[in-house]
Protein backbone atom coordinates (compact mmCIF):
# COMPACT_ATOMS: atom_id res chain seq x y z
CA MET A 1 0.00 0.00 0.00
CA ASN A 2 1.32 3.42 -0.95
CA ASN A 3 1.71 6.28 1.52
CA THR A 4 2.50 4.02 4.46
CA LYS A 5 5.45 4.39 6.79
CA ILE A 6 6.93 2.76 9.86
CA ILE A 7 6.79 4.99 12.94
CA SER A 8 8.41 4.35 16.32
CA LEU A 9 6.04 5.38 19.08
CA ASN A 10 7.41 7.17 22.12
CA LEU A 11 6.14 9.41 24.90
CA ASP A 12 6.34 12.44 22.63
CA ASN A 13 4.15 11.14 19.80
CA ILE A 14 1.91 8.46 21.32
CA THR A 15 -0.88 10.96 21.99
CA LYS A 16 -0.78 12.06 18.34
CA TYR A 17 -1.01 8.57 16.84
CA GLY A 18 -2.73 6.71 19.66
CA LEU A 19 -2.54 3.01 20.40
CA TYR A 20 -3.91 0.52 17.91
CA CYS A 21 -6.66 -0.66 20.28
CA ILE A 22 -7.34 2.76 21.88
CA ARG A 23 -7.01 6.11 20.14
CA ASN A 24 -8.57 8.47 22.70
CA PRO A 25 -5.92 9.82 25.12
CA LYS A 26 -8.68 10.82 27.55
CA TYR A 27 -9.64 7.18 28.07
CA GLU A 28 -8.50 5.89 31.47
CA GLY A 29 -6.83 2.83 29.99
CA PHE A 30 -4.83 4.96 27.57
CA GLN A 31 -3.53 7.11 30.41
CA CYS A 32 -2.61 4.04 32.48
CA LYS A 33 -0.76 2.52 29.54
CA GLN A 34 1.04 5.79 28.89
CA GLU A 35 2.26 5.90 32.48
CA TRP A 36 3.28 2.23 32.28
CA LEU A 37 5.36 3.02 29.19
CA ARG A 38 7.43 5.65 30.99
CA LYS A 39 9.46 2.93 32.69
CA ARG A 40 9.22 0.35 29.93
CA PHE A 41 10.92 2.51 27.29
CA ASP A 42 13.91 2.78 29.64
CA GLU A 43 13.96 -1.04 29.79
CA GLY A 44 14.24 -1.32 26.02
CA LEU A 45 10.60 -1.67 25.00
CA LYS A 46 9.82 -0.66 21.42
CA ILE A 47 6.53 0.02 19.67
CA LYS A 48 6.42 0.18 15.89
CA ILE A 49 3.35 1.03 13.85
CA LEU A 50 2.61 0.85 10.15
CA TYR A 51 0.78 4.09 9.52
CA SER A 52 -1.25 5.12 6.48
CA GLU A 53 -0.91 8.82 5.71
CA GLU A 54 -3.81 8.53 3.29
CA LYS A 55 -6.19 6.88 5.76
CA LYS A 56 -4.74 8.59 8.85
CA LYS A 57 -4.89 5.19 10.49
CA ILE A 58 -2.62 2.62 12.13
CA LEU A 59 -2.71 -0.48 9.92
CA ALA A 60 -0.55 -2.70 12.14
CA TYR A 61 1.12 -2.50 15.56
CA ILE A 62 3.91 -4.42 17.27
CA GLU A 63 5.26 -4.11 20.82
CA TYR A 64 8.37 -5.96 22.00
CA ILE A 65 10.85 -5.86 24.86
CA PRO A 66 13.98 -7.67 26.12
CA GLY A 67 13.01 -10.99 27.68
CA GLU A 68 14.30 -10.02 31.11
CA HIS A 69 11.56 -7.38 31.22
CA ALA A 70 8.77 -9.29 29.43
CA TRP A 71 5.22 -9.15 30.82
CA ARG A 72 4.31 -12.74 30.00
CA ALA A 73 4.59 -15.84 32.21
CA ILE A 74 7.72 -17.03 30.43
CA SER A 75 11.47 -17.11 30.93
CA ALA A 76 13.35 -15.70 27.93
CA PRO A 77 16.59 -13.98 28.99
CA GLY A 78 18.83 -12.93 26.14
CA CYS A 79 15.89 -12.76 23.72
CA LEU A 80 13.35 -10.23 22.57
CA VAL A 81 9.73 -10.98 23.45
CA ILE A 82 6.80 -9.75 21.39
CA HIS A 83 3.94 -8.62 23.63
CA CYS A 84 1.45 -7.69 20.92
CA LEU A 85 1.06 -7.94 17.17
CA LEU A 86 -2.16 -6.31 16.02
CA ALA A 87 -3.60 -6.06 12.52
CA TRP A 88 -7.35 -6.36 12.87
CA TYR A 89 -8.77 -4.40 9.93
CA LYS A 90 -9.99 -6.98 7.40
CA GLN A 91 -9.45 -4.74 4.38
CA TYR A 92 -5.73 -4.47 5.19
CA ARG A 93 -5.06 -8.13 5.92
CA SER A 94 -3.05 -10.37 3.58
CA LYS A 95 -1.02 -7.31 2.60
CA GLY A 96 2.15 -8.37 4.42
CA ASN A 97 1.72 -5.64 7.04
CA ALA A 98 2.15 -7.87 10.09
CA SER A 99 5.11 -9.70 8.54
CA ARG A 100 6.75 -6.38 7.81
CA LEU A 101 6.68 -5.49 11.51
CA ILE A 102 7.87 -8.95 12.57
CA GLN A 103 10.88 -8.55 10.30
CA ILE A 104 11.72 -5.21 11.91
CA CYS A 105 11.66 -6.90 15.32
CA LEU A 106 13.95 -9.67 14.04
CA GLU A 107 16.35 -7.07 12.64
CA ASP A 108 16.46 -5.32 16.02
CA ALA A 109 17.15 -8.66 17.73
CA GLN A 110 20.12 -9.22 15.43
CA LYS A 111 21.45 -5.71 16.02
CA GLU A 112 21.16 -6.24 19.79
CA ASN A 113 22.90 -9.64 19.55
CA LYS A 114 19.89 -11.50 20.97
CA ARG A 115 19.55 -15.28 20.77
CA GLY A 116 16.19 -14.88 19.08
CA VAL A 117 12.63 -13.62 19.36
CA ALA A 118 9.89 -15.29 21.42
CA VAL A 119 6.13 -14.75 21.45
CA VAL A 120 3.12 -16.21 23.27
CA THR A 121 0.24 -16.88 20.88
CA SER A 122 -3.30 -18.10 21.42
CA ASP A 123 -6.04 -19.93 19.57
CA GLY A 124 -8.40 -17.27 20.93
CA THR A 125 -9.04 -13.97 19.20
CA PHE A 126 -7.44 -11.59 21.69
CA LEU A 127 -3.81 -12.47 20.82
CA ALA A 128 -2.20 -13.07 17.46
CA GLY A 129 -2.41 -16.68 16.30
CA LYS A 130 0.66 -18.78 15.64
CA GLU A 131 0.18 -18.93 11.85
CA ILE A 132 1.69 -15.53 11.07
CA PHE A 133 4.78 -16.38 13.11
CA LEU A 134 5.19 -19.84 11.56
CA LYS A 135 5.06 -18.09 8.19
CA ASN A 136 8.00 -15.95 9.34
CA GLY A 137 10.21 -18.84 10.42
CA PHE A 138 9.22 -19.28 14.07
CA GLU A 139 8.79 -22.73 15.61
CA VAL A 140 6.49 -23.94 18.38
CA LEU A 141 8.52 -24.72 21.50
CA ALA A 142 5.72 -25.51 23.95
CA GLU A 143 1.98 -25.47 24.47
CA THR A 144 -0.04 -25.00 27.64
CA SER A 145 -3.69 -24.82 28.63
CA PRO A 146 -6.11 -23.41 27.94
CA SER A 147 -4.99 -22.43 24.41
CA TYR A 148 -1.48 -20.99 24.38
CA GLN A 149 1.69 -21.66 22.43
CA LEU A 150 5.24 -20.39 22.94
CA LEU A 151 6.99 -19.75 19.63
CA PHE A 152 10.61 -18.89 18.97
CA LYS A 153 12.73 -17.69 16.07
CA ARG A 154 16.31 -18.68 16.83
CA LEU A 155 19.10 -16.37 15.71
CA LYS A 156 22.05 -17.86 17.61
CA PRO A 157 22.76 -20.84 19.91
CA GLY A 158 21.69 -20.80 23.54
CA PRO A 159 18.95 -21.85 25.98
CA GLU A 160 15.41 -21.78 24.65
CA PRO A 161 12.60 -19.73 26.20
CA ARG A 162 10.09 -21.63 28.32
CA PHE A 163 6.76 -21.20 30.04
CA ASN A 164 7.00 -20.59 33.77
CA ASP A 165 4.91 -22.77 36.08
CA TRP A 166 1.87 -20.49 36.09
CA GLN A 167 -0.43 -23.24 37.40
CA LYS A 168 1.60 -23.45 40.61
CA GLN A 169 0.81 -19.78 41.23
CA LEU A 170 -2.94 -20.40 41.30
CA GLU A 171 -2.99 -21.83 44.83
CA LYS A 172 -1.89 -18.45 46.20
CA TYR A 173 -5.19 -16.89 45.20
CA GLN A 174 -8.11 -17.87 47.42
CA GLY A 175 -11.51 -16.24 47.21
CA LEU A 176 -12.23 -14.16 44.11
CA ASN A 177 -9.19 -12.43 42.63
CA PHE A 178 -8.77 -10.01 39.76
CA ILE A 179 -5.12 -9.77 38.65
CA TYR A 180 -4.16 -7.29 35.95
CA ALA A 181 -1.46 -4.99 34.60
CA ASP A 182 -1.45 -1.80 32.57
CA GLN A 183 0.50 -3.48 29.75
CA CYS A 184 -2.93 -3.89 28.15
CA PRO A 185 -5.01 -0.68 28.30
CA LEU A 186 -8.36 -2.50 28.11
CA TYR A 187 -8.40 -4.22 31.47
CA ILE A 188 -8.92 -1.32 33.84
CA LYS A 189 -12.38 -0.89 32.26
CA THR A 190 -13.02 -4.63 32.53
CA ILE A 191 -12.12 -4.65 36.22
CA ASN A 192 -14.47 -1.75 36.95
CA GLU A 193 -17.36 -3.44 35.12
CA ILE A 194 -17.10 -6.93 36.56
CA MET A 195 -16.53 -5.61 40.08
CA GLU A 196 -20.22 -4.68 40.11
CA ILE A 197 -21.24 -8.22 39.15
CA ALA A 198 -19.11 -9.74 41.90
CA LYS A 199 -20.73 -7.52 44.51
CA GLU A 200 -24.17 -8.55 43.25
CA HIS A 201 -23.22 -12.08 44.32
CA GLY A 202 -22.03 -10.95 47.74
CA LEU A 203 -18.35 -11.23 46.86
CA GLN A 204 -15.62 -8.71 47.57
CA PRO A 205 -12.84 -9.42 45.06
CA GLN A 206 -9.20 -8.92 45.86
CA VAL A 207 -7.73 -6.74 43.10
CA THR A 208 -4.01 -7.16 42.44
CA LYS A 209 -2.27 -4.80 40.06
CA LEU A 210 1.00 -6.19 38.73
CA THR A 211 3.63 -3.46 38.74
CA SER A 212 6.77 -5.26 37.57
CA ALA A 213 7.84 -7.73 34.91
CA ASP A 214 8.91 -10.17 37.62
CA GLN A 215 5.35 -10.22 38.95
CA ALA A 216 3.90 -10.74 35.47
CA GLN A 217 6.33 -13.59 34.78
CA GLN A 218 5.01 -15.29 37.94
CA ALA A 219 1.35 -14.59 37.16
CA PRO A 220 -1.33 -17.32 37.42
CA SER A 221 -1.90 -17.49 33.65
CA PRO A 222 0.40 -17.75 30.61
CA TYR A 223 -0.85 -14.40 29.30
CA GLY A 224 0.49 -12.76 32.44
CA VAL A 225 -1.38 -9.46 32.49
CA PHE A 226 -4.97 -10.51 33.21
CA SER A 227 -6.40 -13.33 35.31
CA ILE A 228 -9.60 -14.00 37.22
CA VAL A 229 -8.98 -16.67 39.84
CA TYR A 230 -11.50 -18.15 42.26
CA ASN A 231 -10.25 -20.40 45.06
CA GLY A 232 -7.19 -21.45 43.10
CA LYS A 233 -9.02 -21.99 39.80
CA LEU A 234 -8.42 -19.89 36.69
CA LEU A 235 -11.82 -18.68 35.50
CA ALA A 236 -10.71 -16.27 32.77
CA ASP A 237 -7.48 -14.96 31.28
CA ARG A 238 -8.71 -12.45 28.70
CA TYR A 239 -11.23 -9.68 28.20
CA LEU A 240 -14.82 -10.53 29.05
CA GLY A 241 -17.98 -8.49 29.44
CA LYS A 242 -20.54 -8.38 32.20
CA SER A 243 -22.79 -11.09 30.78
CA ARG A 244 -19.96 -13.56 30.27
CA PHE A 245 -18.58 -12.94 33.75
CA ARG A 246 -22.04 -13.29 35.33
CA THR A 247 -22.44 -16.67 33.60
CA LEU A 248 -19.01 -17.86 34.77
CA LEU A 249 -19.70 -16.78 38.33
CA LYS A 250 -23.12 -18.43 38.49
CA LYS A 251 -21.63 -21.67 37.20
CA GLU A 252 -18.84 -21.58 39.77
CA LEU A 253 -21.02 -20.65 42.73
CA GLY A 254 -23.72 -23.15 41.82
């Protein structure tokens, strides 16, 4: 597509271009993400967007960070880890946009002398699926419930990334627990909405905000930055609305 360019987002221009999933800087989640980024950029996080000057729109988005600072329940030191790869608009799919951003990430990994690039994918719709990464030379290293894969593109010899034992972390969370981080700007709204449903059932959830990569890497779900846990059981690990949460809660409470 003509009139497109790669732009590196930073604290100076993120308000101008917005995030792929949220454009309005007045939205609470946007502001939380912006504050979260202040420390992450210092840790080596990068955000690249493919921007259409003609459409005044972000066509694709990628966010990645050194593995030591990754906000996923994995261990990947010496690697880059992709947090998000987003290219939702149907009319711009199959144009090579996502692959173009993946290749930029791989080039950065080579420049930084990393062992490779890792990414957590899902069969669900909220994370990129594994197919686009397989197409770009990644391989599946591991799979874990409920629907996650850990993929890796090796660039040099060394230990492979791995999932951390997220299931072991579940037993720490008794009662109803909402665990989230500002790495994803959507979840602060989710927490506020489902809190009302919990109280309707006479429950007072414990809300835990993850504030470091170490905490996210030891989260009670592979995704790392959002979990709903009830008495040691993972009920949800991605965005859900009021109706879906009400159904889950009724089923669990009997």
